[in-house]
N, C-alpha and C. Protein backbone atom coordinates (compact mmCIF):
# COMPACT_ATOMS: atom_id res chain seq x y z
N MET A 1 -19.49 6.38 9.92
CA MET A 1 -18.62 5.24 9.64
C MET A 1 -17.16 5.70 9.59
N ILE A 2 -16.30 4.95 10.27
CA ILE A 2 -14.89 5.32 10.33
C ILE A 2 -14.11 4.76 9.14
N ASN A 3 -13.55 5.66 8.34
CA ASN A 3 -12.61 5.30 7.29
C ASN A 3 -11.30 6.01 7.59
N ILE A 4 -10.22 5.25 7.70
CA ILE A 4 -8.90 5.83 7.99
C ILE A 4 -8.01 5.65 6.77
N ALA A 5 -7.48 6.75 6.27
CA ALA A 5 -6.62 6.73 5.09
C ALA A 5 -5.18 7.00 5.50
N ILE A 6 -4.27 6.14 5.07
CA ILE A 6 -2.86 6.29 5.40
C ILE A 6 -2.03 6.25 4.12
N ASP A 7 -1.26 7.30 3.88
CA ASP A 7 -0.35 7.37 2.74
C ASP A 7 1.09 7.40 3.22
N GLY A 8 2.00 7.20 2.29
CA GLY A 8 3.41 7.31 2.62
C GLY A 8 4.26 6.53 1.65
N PRO A 9 5.56 6.81 1.62
CA PRO A 9 6.47 6.12 0.71
C PRO A 9 6.74 4.69 1.13
N SER A 10 7.47 3.98 0.28
CA SER A 10 7.80 2.58 0.53
C SER A 10 8.53 2.39 1.85
N SER A 11 8.12 1.35 2.59
CA SER A 11 8.77 0.94 3.84
C SER A 11 8.73 2.00 4.95
N SER A 12 7.73 2.85 4.91
CA SER A 12 7.57 3.84 5.99
C SER A 12 6.81 3.24 7.17
N GLY A 13 6.33 2.01 6.99
CA GLY A 13 5.63 1.31 8.07
C GLY A 13 4.13 1.32 7.94
N LYS A 14 3.61 1.75 6.79
CA LYS A 14 2.16 1.89 6.60
C LYS A 14 1.40 0.60 6.86
N SER A 15 1.83 -0.47 6.21
CA SER A 15 1.08 -1.73 6.30
C SER A 15 1.11 -2.30 7.71
N THR A 16 2.27 -2.26 8.34
CA THR A 16 2.39 -2.77 9.70
C THR A 16 1.45 -2.01 10.64
N VAL A 17 1.47 -0.68 10.53
CA VAL A 17 0.63 0.16 11.37
C VAL A 17 -0.85 -0.08 11.07
N ALA A 18 -1.19 -0.17 9.78
CA ALA A 18 -2.59 -0.36 9.39
C ALA A 18 -3.14 -1.68 9.93
N LYS A 19 -2.33 -2.72 9.89
CA LYS A 19 -2.77 -4.02 10.40
C LYS A 19 -3.02 -3.96 11.91
N LEU A 20 -2.09 -3.36 12.64
CA LEU A 20 -2.24 -3.23 14.09
C LEU A 20 -3.45 -2.36 14.43
N LEU A 21 -3.62 -1.31 13.64
CA LEU A 21 -4.71 -0.37 13.86
C LEU A 21 -6.07 -1.04 13.66
N SER A 22 -6.16 -1.85 12.62
CA SER A 22 -7.44 -2.52 12.33
C SER A 22 -7.83 -3.46 13.47
N LYS A 23 -6.83 -4.11 14.05
CA LYS A 23 -7.11 -5.03 15.16
C LYS A 23 -7.52 -4.26 16.42
N LYS A 24 -6.83 -3.15 16.66
CA LYS A 24 -7.11 -2.37 17.86
C LYS A 24 -8.50 -1.73 17.80
N LEU A 25 -8.90 -1.29 16.61
CA LEU A 25 -10.19 -0.63 16.45
C LEU A 25 -11.28 -1.60 15.99
N ASN A 26 -10.86 -2.84 15.71
CA ASN A 26 -11.79 -3.87 15.24
C ASN A 26 -12.51 -3.45 13.96
N ILE A 27 -11.73 -2.96 13.00
CA ILE A 27 -12.27 -2.62 11.69
C ILE A 27 -11.45 -3.31 10.61
N LEU A 28 -11.97 -3.33 9.40
CA LEU A 28 -11.33 -4.02 8.28
C LEU A 28 -10.04 -3.32 7.83
N TYR A 29 -9.05 -4.10 7.44
CA TYR A 29 -7.83 -3.56 6.84
C TYR A 29 -7.75 -4.00 5.38
N LEU A 30 -7.56 -3.04 4.48
CA LEU A 30 -7.40 -3.37 3.07
C LEU A 30 -6.02 -2.92 2.61
N ASP A 31 -5.17 -3.87 2.30
CA ASP A 31 -3.80 -3.60 1.85
C ASP A 31 -3.83 -3.28 0.36
N THR A 32 -3.92 -2.00 0.03
CA THR A 32 -4.03 -1.62 -1.38
C THR A 32 -2.75 -1.91 -2.15
N GLY A 33 -1.61 -1.85 -1.45
CA GLY A 33 -0.35 -2.14 -2.12
C GLY A 33 -0.30 -3.56 -2.64
N ALA A 34 -0.91 -4.48 -1.89
CA ALA A 34 -0.93 -5.88 -2.31
C ALA A 34 -1.70 -6.03 -3.62
N MET A 35 -2.69 -5.19 -3.82
CA MET A 35 -3.48 -5.26 -5.05
C MET A 35 -2.63 -4.86 -6.25
N TYR A 36 -1.79 -3.83 -6.09
CA TYR A 36 -0.91 -3.41 -7.19
C TYR A 36 0.19 -4.45 -7.43
N ARG A 37 0.63 -5.07 -6.36
CA ARG A 37 1.63 -6.13 -6.52
C ARG A 37 1.06 -7.28 -7.35
N ALA A 38 -0.20 -7.62 -7.08
CA ALA A 38 -0.84 -8.70 -7.83
C ALA A 38 -0.98 -8.34 -9.31
N CYS A 39 -1.26 -7.07 -9.58
CA CYS A 39 -1.34 -6.61 -10.97
C CYS A 39 0.02 -6.76 -11.66
N GLY A 40 1.09 -6.39 -10.93
CA GLY A 40 2.43 -6.53 -11.48
C GLY A 40 2.79 -7.97 -11.74
N LEU A 41 2.40 -8.85 -10.82
CA LEU A 41 2.66 -10.28 -10.99
C LEU A 41 1.90 -10.83 -12.19
N LYS A 42 0.69 -10.38 -12.37
CA LYS A 42 -0.12 -10.83 -13.52
C LYS A 42 0.57 -10.44 -14.83
N ALA A 43 1.06 -9.21 -14.91
CA ALA A 43 1.76 -8.76 -16.12
C ALA A 43 3.00 -9.61 -16.37
N LYS A 44 3.75 -9.87 -15.30
CA LYS A 44 4.96 -10.68 -15.43
C LYS A 44 4.63 -12.06 -15.98
N ARG A 45 3.60 -12.67 -15.44
CA ARG A 45 3.22 -14.02 -15.87
C ARG A 45 2.78 -14.05 -17.34
N LEU A 46 2.25 -12.93 -17.79
CA LEU A 46 1.80 -12.85 -19.19
C LEU A 46 2.93 -12.40 -20.12
N GLY A 47 4.09 -12.06 -19.52
CA GLY A 47 5.21 -11.59 -20.34
C GLY A 47 5.00 -10.18 -20.86
N ILE A 48 4.24 -9.38 -20.12
CA ILE A 48 3.94 -8.00 -20.53
C ILE A 48 4.69 -7.03 -19.62
N SER A 49 5.31 -6.04 -20.22
CA SER A 49 6.00 -5.01 -19.43
C SER A 49 4.98 -4.24 -18.62
N CYS A 50 5.34 -3.93 -17.37
CA CYS A 50 4.42 -3.18 -16.51
C CYS A 50 4.28 -1.73 -16.94
N LEU A 51 5.09 -1.31 -17.90
CA LEU A 51 5.00 0.06 -18.41
C LEU A 51 4.35 0.10 -19.80
N ASP A 52 3.93 -1.08 -20.29
CA ASP A 52 3.28 -1.17 -21.60
C ASP A 52 1.78 -1.00 -21.39
N GLU A 53 1.31 0.23 -21.60
CA GLU A 53 -0.09 0.53 -21.30
C GLU A 53 -1.06 -0.30 -22.14
N LYS A 54 -0.76 -0.49 -23.40
CA LYS A 54 -1.65 -1.28 -24.25
C LYS A 54 -1.66 -2.74 -23.81
N GLY A 55 -0.49 -3.25 -23.47
CA GLY A 55 -0.41 -4.63 -23.02
C GLY A 55 -1.16 -4.84 -21.72
N VAL A 56 -0.98 -3.92 -20.77
CA VAL A 56 -1.66 -4.02 -19.49
C VAL A 56 -3.17 -3.87 -19.66
N ALA A 57 -3.57 -3.00 -20.60
CA ALA A 57 -5.00 -2.78 -20.86
C ALA A 57 -5.69 -4.06 -21.34
N SER A 58 -4.90 -4.98 -21.90
CA SER A 58 -5.48 -6.22 -22.42
C SER A 58 -6.00 -7.15 -21.34
N PHE A 59 -5.55 -6.94 -20.09
CA PHE A 59 -6.02 -7.84 -19.03
C PHE A 59 -6.59 -7.13 -17.80
N ILE A 60 -6.26 -5.86 -17.60
CA ILE A 60 -6.61 -5.22 -16.32
C ILE A 60 -8.12 -5.08 -16.12
N GLY A 61 -8.86 -4.87 -17.18
CA GLY A 61 -10.30 -4.67 -17.06
C GLY A 61 -11.03 -5.88 -16.50
N ASN A 62 -10.50 -7.06 -16.78
CA ASN A 62 -11.15 -8.29 -16.33
C ASN A 62 -10.26 -9.10 -15.39
N ILE A 63 -9.34 -8.44 -14.73
CA ILE A 63 -8.42 -9.16 -13.86
C ILE A 63 -9.19 -9.86 -12.74
N ASP A 64 -8.85 -11.13 -12.51
CA ASP A 64 -9.49 -11.93 -11.46
C ASP A 64 -8.65 -11.76 -10.20
N LEU A 65 -8.97 -10.71 -9.44
CA LEU A 65 -8.22 -10.36 -8.24
C LEU A 65 -9.18 -10.25 -7.06
N GLN A 66 -8.88 -10.99 -6.02
CA GLN A 66 -9.74 -10.98 -4.84
C GLN A 66 -8.90 -10.86 -3.57
N VAL A 67 -9.40 -10.08 -2.64
CA VAL A 67 -8.77 -9.95 -1.33
C VAL A 67 -9.72 -10.58 -0.31
N LYS A 68 -9.23 -11.60 0.37
CA LYS A 68 -10.07 -12.32 1.33
C LYS A 68 -9.41 -12.32 2.70
N TYR A 69 -10.21 -12.43 3.72
CA TYR A 69 -9.71 -12.49 5.10
C TYR A 69 -10.00 -13.87 5.66
N GLU A 70 -8.92 -14.60 5.89
CA GLU A 70 -9.04 -15.98 6.35
C GLU A 70 -8.16 -16.20 7.58
N ASN A 71 -8.77 -16.70 8.63
CA ASN A 71 -8.04 -16.96 9.87
C ASN A 71 -7.31 -15.72 10.38
N GLY A 72 -7.98 -14.56 10.26
CA GLY A 72 -7.43 -13.32 10.80
C GLY A 72 -6.34 -12.69 9.97
N ALA A 73 -6.13 -13.18 8.76
CA ALA A 73 -5.07 -12.62 7.91
C ALA A 73 -5.62 -12.36 6.51
N GLN A 74 -5.02 -11.36 5.85
CA GLN A 74 -5.43 -11.04 4.48
C GLN A 74 -4.72 -11.97 3.49
N HIS A 75 -5.49 -12.48 2.55
CA HIS A 75 -4.92 -13.31 1.49
C HIS A 75 -5.33 -12.71 0.15
N VAL A 76 -4.39 -12.71 -0.79
CA VAL A 76 -4.64 -12.16 -2.12
C VAL A 76 -4.69 -13.30 -3.12
N TYR A 77 -5.78 -13.35 -3.86
CA TYR A 77 -5.95 -14.41 -4.86
C TYR A 77 -5.91 -13.82 -6.27
N LEU A 78 -5.10 -14.41 -7.10
CA LEU A 78 -4.98 -14.01 -8.51
C LEU A 78 -5.32 -15.21 -9.36
N ASP A 79 -6.37 -15.08 -10.16
CA ASP A 79 -6.84 -16.19 -10.98
C ASP A 79 -7.11 -17.44 -10.13
N GLY A 80 -7.64 -17.20 -8.93
CA GLY A 80 -7.99 -18.31 -8.06
C GLY A 80 -6.85 -18.87 -7.25
N GLU A 81 -5.62 -18.38 -7.45
CA GLU A 81 -4.44 -18.87 -6.74
C GLU A 81 -4.05 -17.90 -5.61
N ASP A 82 -3.74 -18.44 -4.45
CA ASP A 82 -3.29 -17.62 -3.33
C ASP A 82 -1.84 -17.20 -3.60
N VAL A 83 -1.65 -15.91 -3.90
CA VAL A 83 -0.31 -15.41 -4.23
C VAL A 83 0.23 -14.51 -3.12
N SER A 84 -0.31 -14.64 -1.93
CA SER A 84 0.04 -13.75 -0.82
C SER A 84 1.54 -13.72 -0.55
N ASN A 85 2.21 -14.85 -0.66
CA ASN A 85 3.65 -14.89 -0.41
C ASN A 85 4.44 -14.44 -1.62
N GLU A 86 4.01 -14.85 -2.80
CA GLU A 86 4.77 -14.51 -4.00
C GLU A 86 4.82 -13.01 -4.26
N ILE A 87 3.75 -12.29 -3.96
CA ILE A 87 3.75 -10.86 -4.24
C ILE A 87 4.64 -10.07 -3.29
N ARG A 88 5.16 -10.71 -2.26
CA ARG A 88 6.04 -10.03 -1.31
C ARG A 88 7.51 -10.11 -1.72
N LYS A 89 7.80 -10.80 -2.81
CA LYS A 89 9.18 -10.86 -3.28
C LYS A 89 9.62 -9.48 -3.76
N ASN A 90 10.90 -9.18 -3.57
CA ASN A 90 11.39 -7.84 -3.88
C ASN A 90 11.20 -7.46 -5.34
N GLU A 91 11.36 -8.41 -6.24
CA GLU A 91 11.20 -8.11 -7.67
C GLU A 91 9.78 -7.67 -7.99
N VAL A 92 8.82 -8.19 -7.24
CA VAL A 92 7.41 -7.82 -7.47
C VAL A 92 7.16 -6.40 -6.93
N SER A 93 7.92 -5.99 -5.92
CA SER A 93 7.78 -4.62 -5.40
C SER A 93 8.04 -3.60 -6.50
N MET A 94 9.10 -3.84 -7.28
CA MET A 94 9.44 -2.91 -8.36
C MET A 94 8.38 -2.96 -9.47
N LEU A 95 7.85 -4.13 -9.74
CA LEU A 95 6.80 -4.25 -10.76
C LEU A 95 5.56 -3.47 -10.32
N ALA A 96 5.26 -3.53 -9.04
CA ALA A 96 4.10 -2.80 -8.51
C ALA A 96 4.28 -1.30 -8.69
N SER A 97 5.49 -0.83 -8.43
CA SER A 97 5.78 0.60 -8.59
C SER A 97 5.59 1.04 -10.03
N GLN A 98 6.00 0.18 -10.95
CA GLN A 98 5.88 0.51 -12.38
C GLN A 98 4.43 0.48 -12.85
N ILE A 99 3.73 -0.59 -12.55
CA ILE A 99 2.38 -0.75 -13.09
C ILE A 99 1.40 0.24 -12.44
N SER A 100 1.71 0.66 -11.22
CA SER A 100 0.82 1.61 -10.54
C SER A 100 0.90 3.01 -11.14
N SER A 101 1.87 3.24 -12.02
CA SER A 101 1.98 4.55 -12.67
C SER A 101 0.98 4.69 -13.82
N LEU A 102 0.36 3.58 -14.22
CA LEU A 102 -0.59 3.61 -15.34
C LEU A 102 -1.99 3.98 -14.83
N SER A 103 -2.59 4.96 -15.47
CA SER A 103 -3.91 5.42 -15.03
C SER A 103 -4.97 4.34 -15.14
N ILE A 104 -4.88 3.48 -16.15
CA ILE A 104 -5.89 2.43 -16.32
C ILE A 104 -5.86 1.45 -15.15
N VAL A 105 -4.67 1.25 -14.58
CA VAL A 105 -4.54 0.35 -13.44
C VAL A 105 -5.09 1.01 -12.18
N ARG A 106 -4.73 2.26 -11.97
CA ARG A 106 -5.17 2.97 -10.77
C ARG A 106 -6.69 3.14 -10.78
N GLU A 107 -7.26 3.38 -11.95
CA GLU A 107 -8.71 3.54 -12.04
C GLU A 107 -9.44 2.24 -11.69
N LYS A 108 -8.87 1.12 -12.14
CA LYS A 108 -9.49 -0.18 -11.83
C LYS A 108 -9.38 -0.48 -10.34
N MET A 109 -8.20 -0.25 -9.77
CA MET A 109 -8.01 -0.51 -8.35
C MET A 109 -8.85 0.45 -7.50
N LEU A 110 -8.97 1.69 -7.97
CA LEU A 110 -9.79 2.69 -7.27
C LEU A 110 -11.22 2.21 -7.15
N GLU A 111 -11.74 1.69 -8.23
CA GLU A 111 -13.11 1.18 -8.27
C GLU A 111 -13.30 0.08 -7.22
N MET A 112 -12.33 -0.83 -7.14
CA MET A 112 -12.42 -1.95 -6.21
C MET A 112 -12.26 -1.48 -4.76
N GLN A 113 -11.34 -0.55 -4.53
CA GLN A 113 -11.07 -0.07 -3.17
C GLN A 113 -12.23 0.75 -2.62
N ARG A 114 -12.80 1.62 -3.44
CA ARG A 114 -13.93 2.44 -2.97
C ARG A 114 -15.15 1.58 -2.66
N GLU A 115 -15.32 0.53 -3.41
CA GLU A 115 -16.46 -0.36 -3.18
C GLU A 115 -16.35 -0.99 -1.79
N VAL A 116 -15.14 -1.42 -1.43
CA VAL A 116 -14.93 -2.02 -0.10
C VAL A 116 -15.19 -0.98 0.99
N ALA A 117 -14.61 0.21 0.83
CA ALA A 117 -14.70 1.26 1.85
C ALA A 117 -16.11 1.80 2.03
N SER A 118 -16.94 1.68 1.01
CA SER A 118 -18.30 2.21 1.09
C SER A 118 -19.22 1.30 1.90
N LYS A 119 -18.78 0.07 2.12
CA LYS A 119 -19.65 -0.91 2.76
C LYS A 119 -19.38 -1.12 4.24
N GLN A 120 -18.18 -0.70 4.70
CA GLN A 120 -17.85 -0.98 6.09
C GLN A 120 -16.71 -0.10 6.59
N PRO A 121 -16.61 0.10 7.91
CA PRO A 121 -15.49 0.85 8.46
C PRO A 121 -14.19 0.14 8.11
N CYS A 122 -13.18 0.89 7.72
CA CYS A 122 -11.94 0.24 7.34
C CYS A 122 -10.76 1.19 7.38
N VAL A 123 -9.57 0.61 7.32
CA VAL A 123 -8.34 1.38 7.21
C VAL A 123 -7.65 0.95 5.93
N LEU A 124 -7.28 1.94 5.11
CA LEU A 124 -6.60 1.68 3.85
C LEU A 124 -5.26 2.38 3.85
N ASP A 125 -4.24 1.70 3.35
CA ASP A 125 -2.94 2.35 3.23
C ASP A 125 -2.44 2.23 1.80
N GLY A 126 -1.67 3.23 1.39
CA GLY A 126 -1.15 3.23 0.03
C GLY A 126 -0.39 4.50 -0.26
N ARG A 127 -0.51 4.99 -1.49
CA ARG A 127 0.20 6.21 -1.88
C ARG A 127 -0.73 7.31 -2.39
N ASP A 128 -2.00 6.96 -2.60
CA ASP A 128 -2.94 7.97 -3.09
C ASP A 128 -4.29 7.87 -2.39
N ILE A 129 -4.28 7.33 -1.17
CA ILE A 129 -5.54 7.08 -0.46
C ILE A 129 -6.19 8.39 -0.01
N CYS A 130 -5.40 9.26 0.62
CA CYS A 130 -5.98 10.48 1.21
C CYS A 130 -6.57 11.44 0.17
N MET A 131 -5.87 11.61 -0.93
CA MET A 131 -6.32 12.61 -1.91
C MET A 131 -7.13 12.04 -3.06
N TYR A 132 -7.02 10.75 -3.29
CA TYR A 132 -7.68 10.22 -4.48
C TYR A 132 -8.68 9.10 -4.18
N VAL A 133 -8.26 8.09 -3.43
CA VAL A 133 -9.15 6.96 -3.20
C VAL A 133 -10.27 7.33 -2.22
N LEU A 134 -9.87 7.91 -1.07
CA LEU A 134 -10.87 8.30 -0.06
C LEU A 134 -10.69 9.77 0.32
N PRO A 135 -10.94 10.69 -0.61
CA PRO A 135 -10.73 12.11 -0.32
C PRO A 135 -11.62 12.66 0.79
N ASN A 136 -12.73 11.97 1.07
CA ASN A 136 -13.64 12.43 2.10
C ASN A 136 -13.48 11.69 3.43
N ALA A 137 -12.42 10.90 3.53
CA ALA A 137 -12.18 10.18 4.79
C ALA A 137 -12.00 11.18 5.92
N LYS A 138 -12.57 10.88 7.06
CA LYS A 138 -12.49 11.79 8.21
C LYS A 138 -11.09 11.81 8.80
N TYR A 139 -10.40 10.67 8.71
CA TYR A 139 -9.07 10.57 9.33
C TYR A 139 -8.02 10.26 8.26
N LYS A 140 -7.07 11.18 8.12
CA LYS A 140 -6.03 11.05 7.10
C LYS A 140 -4.64 11.22 7.74
N PHE A 141 -3.73 10.33 7.34
CA PHE A 141 -2.38 10.38 7.89
C PHE A 141 -1.36 10.13 6.79
N PHE A 142 -0.21 10.79 6.91
CA PHE A 142 0.89 10.58 5.97
C PHE A 142 2.11 10.15 6.78
N MET A 143 2.56 8.92 6.56
CA MET A 143 3.71 8.39 7.29
C MET A 143 4.97 8.50 6.44
N THR A 144 6.02 8.97 7.05
CA THR A 144 7.29 9.09 6.33
C THR A 144 8.43 8.66 7.25
N ALA A 145 9.63 8.53 6.69
CA ALA A 145 10.82 8.18 7.47
C ALA A 145 12.04 8.38 6.57
N ASP A 146 13.18 8.52 7.18
CA ASP A 146 14.43 8.68 6.44
C ASP A 146 14.64 7.48 5.52
N ALA A 147 15.12 7.73 4.29
CA ALA A 147 15.28 6.67 3.29
C ALA A 147 16.19 5.54 3.77
N LYS A 148 17.26 5.88 4.46
CA LYS A 148 18.19 4.85 4.94
C LYS A 148 17.53 3.97 6.00
N ILE A 149 16.72 4.57 6.84
CA ILE A 149 16.00 3.80 7.86
C ILE A 149 14.99 2.87 7.18
N ARG A 150 14.33 3.37 6.15
CA ARG A 150 13.37 2.55 5.43
C ARG A 150 14.06 1.39 4.72
N ALA A 151 15.23 1.65 4.14
CA ALA A 151 15.98 0.58 3.48
C ALA A 151 16.44 -0.46 4.49
N GLU A 152 16.83 -0.01 5.68
CA GLU A 152 17.26 -0.92 6.73
C GLU A 152 16.11 -1.83 7.18
N ARG A 153 14.93 -1.24 7.31
CA ARG A 153 13.75 -2.02 7.70
C ARG A 153 13.45 -3.09 6.65
N ARG A 154 13.49 -2.67 5.39
CA ARG A 154 13.20 -3.58 4.29
C ARG A 154 14.26 -4.68 4.21
N TYR A 155 15.52 -4.31 4.44
CA TYR A 155 16.63 -5.27 4.39
C TYR A 155 16.43 -6.36 5.44
N LYS A 156 16.09 -5.97 6.66
CA LYS A 156 15.89 -6.94 7.73
C LYS A 156 14.68 -7.84 7.44
N GLU A 157 13.64 -7.23 6.89
CA GLU A 157 12.43 -7.99 6.56
C GLU A 157 12.72 -9.07 5.52
N LEU A 158 13.43 -8.69 4.46
CA LEU A 158 13.71 -9.64 3.37
C LEU A 158 14.71 -10.71 3.80
N LEU A 159 15.69 -10.34 4.61
CA LEU A 159 16.64 -11.34 5.11
C LEU A 159 15.93 -12.39 5.96
N SER A 160 14.93 -11.93 6.72
CA SER A 160 14.18 -12.87 7.57
C SER A 160 13.37 -13.85 6.72
N LYS A 161 13.15 -13.48 5.46
CA LYS A 161 12.41 -14.35 4.54
C LYS A 161 13.34 -15.08 3.58
N ASP A 162 14.66 -15.03 3.91
CA ASP A 162 15.68 -15.74 3.13
C ASP A 162 15.79 -15.25 1.69
N GLN A 163 15.50 -13.97 1.47
CA GLN A 163 15.68 -13.40 0.14
C GLN A 163 17.07 -12.79 0.03
N ASN A 164 17.72 -13.04 -1.08
CA ASN A 164 19.10 -12.60 -1.29
C ASN A 164 19.11 -11.16 -1.80
N VAL A 165 19.39 -10.22 -0.90
CA VAL A 165 19.39 -8.80 -1.26
C VAL A 165 20.57 -8.11 -0.59
N THR A 166 20.90 -6.92 -1.08
CA THR A 166 21.94 -6.10 -0.44
C THR A 166 21.32 -4.78 -0.01
N PHE A 167 21.88 -4.22 1.04
CA PHE A 167 21.36 -2.95 1.55
C PHE A 167 21.45 -1.86 0.49
N ASP A 168 22.58 -1.77 -0.20
CA ASP A 168 22.78 -0.72 -1.20
C ASP A 168 21.75 -0.82 -2.33
N ASP A 169 21.45 -2.05 -2.76
CA ASP A 169 20.45 -2.22 -3.81
C ASP A 169 19.07 -1.77 -3.32
N LEU A 170 18.75 -2.11 -2.08
CA LEU A 170 17.45 -1.73 -1.53
C LEU A 170 17.32 -0.22 -1.38
N LEU A 171 18.39 0.43 -0.94
CA LEU A 171 18.36 1.88 -0.80
C LEU A 171 18.16 2.53 -2.16
N ARG A 172 18.86 2.02 -3.17
CA ARG A 172 18.70 2.55 -4.53
C ARG A 172 17.27 2.35 -5.02
N GLU A 173 16.70 1.16 -4.77
CA GLU A 173 15.35 0.87 -5.22
C GLU A 173 14.32 1.73 -4.49
N ILE A 174 14.53 1.97 -3.21
CA ILE A 174 13.60 2.81 -2.45
C ILE A 174 13.62 4.24 -2.97
N ASN A 175 14.81 4.76 -3.26
CA ASN A 175 14.91 6.11 -3.82
C ASN A 175 14.26 6.17 -5.20
N GLU A 176 14.43 5.10 -5.96
CA GLU A 176 13.82 5.03 -7.30
C GLU A 176 12.30 4.99 -7.19
N ARG A 177 11.80 4.19 -6.26
CA ARG A 177 10.35 4.10 -6.06
C ARG A 177 9.78 5.42 -5.57
N ASP A 178 10.51 6.09 -4.69
CA ASP A 178 10.06 7.40 -4.20
C ASP A 178 9.90 8.37 -5.37
N TYR A 179 10.88 8.36 -6.26
CA TYR A 179 10.83 9.27 -7.41
C TYR A 179 9.66 8.89 -8.33
N ASN A 180 9.54 7.60 -8.63
CA ASN A 180 8.47 7.15 -9.51
C ASN A 180 7.10 7.49 -8.94
N ASP A 181 6.94 7.22 -7.65
CA ASP A 181 5.63 7.43 -7.02
C ASP A 181 5.24 8.90 -6.95
N SER A 182 6.22 9.77 -6.73
CA SER A 182 5.91 11.20 -6.57
C SER A 182 5.90 11.96 -7.90
N HIS A 183 6.38 11.32 -8.97
CA HIS A 183 6.43 12.02 -10.27
C HIS A 183 5.50 11.43 -11.32
N ARG A 184 4.73 10.39 -10.96
CA ARG A 184 3.82 9.85 -11.96
C ARG A 184 2.74 10.88 -12.27
N ALA A 185 2.23 10.82 -13.49
CA ALA A 185 1.26 11.82 -13.95
C ALA A 185 -0.10 11.66 -13.27
N PHE A 186 -0.45 10.43 -12.95
CA PHE A 186 -1.79 10.15 -12.42
C PHE A 186 -1.71 9.84 -10.93
N ALA A 187 -2.39 10.64 -10.10
CA ALA A 187 -2.47 10.43 -8.65
C ALA A 187 -1.10 10.18 -8.02
N PRO A 188 -0.19 11.15 -8.13
CA PRO A 188 1.15 10.96 -7.55
C PRO A 188 1.13 10.98 -6.02
N LEU A 189 2.17 10.40 -5.43
CA LEU A 189 2.31 10.43 -3.98
C LEU A 189 2.54 11.86 -3.52
N ALA A 190 1.69 12.33 -2.63
CA ALA A 190 1.80 13.69 -2.10
C ALA A 190 1.08 13.75 -0.76
N ILE A 191 1.43 14.76 0.02
CA ILE A 191 0.80 14.91 1.33
C ILE A 191 -0.49 15.71 1.19
N ALA A 192 -1.61 15.10 1.57
CA ALA A 192 -2.89 15.81 1.51
C ALA A 192 -2.87 16.98 2.49
N PRO A 193 -3.44 18.12 2.10
CA PRO A 193 -3.43 19.30 2.97
C PRO A 193 -4.04 19.06 4.36
N ASP A 194 -5.01 18.14 4.43
CA ASP A 194 -5.68 17.88 5.70
C ASP A 194 -5.19 16.61 6.39
N ALA A 195 -4.03 16.09 5.95
CA ALA A 195 -3.49 14.88 6.57
C ALA A 195 -2.53 15.23 7.71
N THR A 196 -2.51 14.40 8.72
CA THR A 196 -1.56 14.53 9.82
C THR A 196 -0.29 13.79 9.45
N VAL A 197 0.84 14.49 9.44
CA VAL A 197 2.12 13.87 9.06
C VAL A 197 2.77 13.24 10.29
N ILE A 198 3.19 11.98 10.13
CA ILE A 198 3.87 11.27 11.22
C ILE A 198 5.22 10.77 10.71
N ASP A 199 6.29 11.29 11.29
CA ASP A 199 7.64 10.83 10.94
C ASP A 199 7.95 9.61 11.81
N THR A 200 8.09 8.44 11.17
CA THR A 200 8.26 7.19 11.91
C THR A 200 9.72 6.80 12.10
N THR A 201 10.64 7.68 11.71
CA THR A 201 12.07 7.35 11.78
C THR A 201 12.48 6.81 13.14
N HIS A 202 12.01 7.45 14.19
CA HIS A 202 12.41 7.06 15.55
C HIS A 202 11.24 6.54 16.38
N LEU A 203 10.19 6.08 15.69
CA LEU A 203 9.01 5.57 16.40
C LEU A 203 8.79 4.09 16.09
N THR A 204 8.27 3.36 17.06
CA THR A 204 7.87 1.98 16.81
C THR A 204 6.48 1.99 16.19
N ALA A 205 6.11 0.86 15.61
CA ALA A 205 4.78 0.76 15.00
C ALA A 205 3.70 0.98 16.05
N GLU A 206 3.93 0.45 17.25
CA GLU A 206 2.94 0.59 18.32
C GLU A 206 2.76 2.05 18.72
N GLN A 207 3.86 2.82 18.72
CA GLN A 207 3.76 4.24 19.06
C GLN A 207 2.97 5.01 18.01
N VAL A 208 3.16 4.65 16.75
CA VAL A 208 2.41 5.30 15.67
C VAL A 208 0.92 4.97 15.79
N VAL A 209 0.63 3.72 16.10
CA VAL A 209 -0.77 3.31 16.28
C VAL A 209 -1.42 4.12 17.40
N ASP A 210 -0.70 4.32 18.49
CA ASP A 210 -1.24 5.09 19.62
C ASP A 210 -1.55 6.53 19.19
N ILE A 211 -0.69 7.11 18.37
CA ILE A 211 -0.92 8.48 17.88
C ILE A 211 -2.22 8.54 17.07
N ILE A 212 -2.38 7.57 16.18
CA ILE A 212 -3.57 7.56 15.32
C ILE A 212 -4.83 7.28 16.13
N VAL A 213 -4.77 6.34 17.04
CA VAL A 213 -5.94 6.01 17.86
C VAL A 213 -6.37 7.22 18.69
N ASN A 214 -5.39 7.95 19.21
CA ASN A 214 -5.72 9.17 19.99
C ASN A 214 -6.45 10.18 19.12
N GLU A 215 -6.01 10.33 17.87
CA GLU A 215 -6.67 11.28 16.95
C GLU A 215 -8.09 10.82 16.64
N VAL A 216 -8.25 9.52 16.42
CA VAL A 216 -9.60 8.99 16.13
C VAL A 216 -10.51 9.15 17.34
N ASN A 217 -9.99 8.86 18.52
CA ASN A 217 -10.81 9.00 19.73
C ASN A 217 -11.26 10.45 19.94
N LYS A 218 -10.36 11.39 19.67
CA LYS A 218 -10.72 12.80 19.76
C LYS A 218 -11.84 13.13 18.78
N GLY A 219 -11.69 12.65 17.55
CA GLY A 219 -12.67 12.93 16.52
C GLY A 219 -14.03 12.30 16.80
N GLU A 220 -14.01 11.18 17.52
CA GLU A 220 -15.25 10.49 17.84
C GLU A 220 -15.82 10.91 19.19
N GLY A 221 -15.13 11.89 19.82
CA GLY A 221 -15.60 12.40 21.09
C GLY A 221 -15.40 11.46 22.25
N LYS A 222 -14.36 10.65 22.18
CA LYS A 222 -14.11 9.67 23.25
C LYS A 222 -13.03 10.20 24.21
């Protein structure tokens, strides 16, 4: 069974590549980042700080979070509500970075993610997939890119969605998220020793997909 694990920092292109990859290989795509965003949104709605471990512990064990595939697209449901658009707001991105630093949250999401991956071929992207969520995945990749390029990508994406942001604020937030993700005590962002590193600074998403597909085809003897 093919399981593809993709790690990398914010806005390195992981989700875009993973979506294209899943379609090209006709396997499931699970956006793990969306799951953490939903957890952050839940905390916000409850008025709980995403860094308050006791507060987060009060709801994370029984969180009503579902990832469904409808009309060829992934939808995230929180307490029965489709929050797919709301979790993409920039403020929720920062909440996701904060709440994902809590071990109780990562353990709960790990349980849900491994269950999905154990049942079917899939591609997962995130920050701890290669070393923690799917350490035995046959195909592992780490995507990276220059911070300014990543901020530029994010800036264009948010402007297209009519969100009021500035490039400087996004660059600062990306650097902050990079630090938070790589310095958290539990399952920090790091390059797995057996992962293939892909610098996407000067590559299109389609070119990255071709690189990964070639590696998978080699591994499958195609």
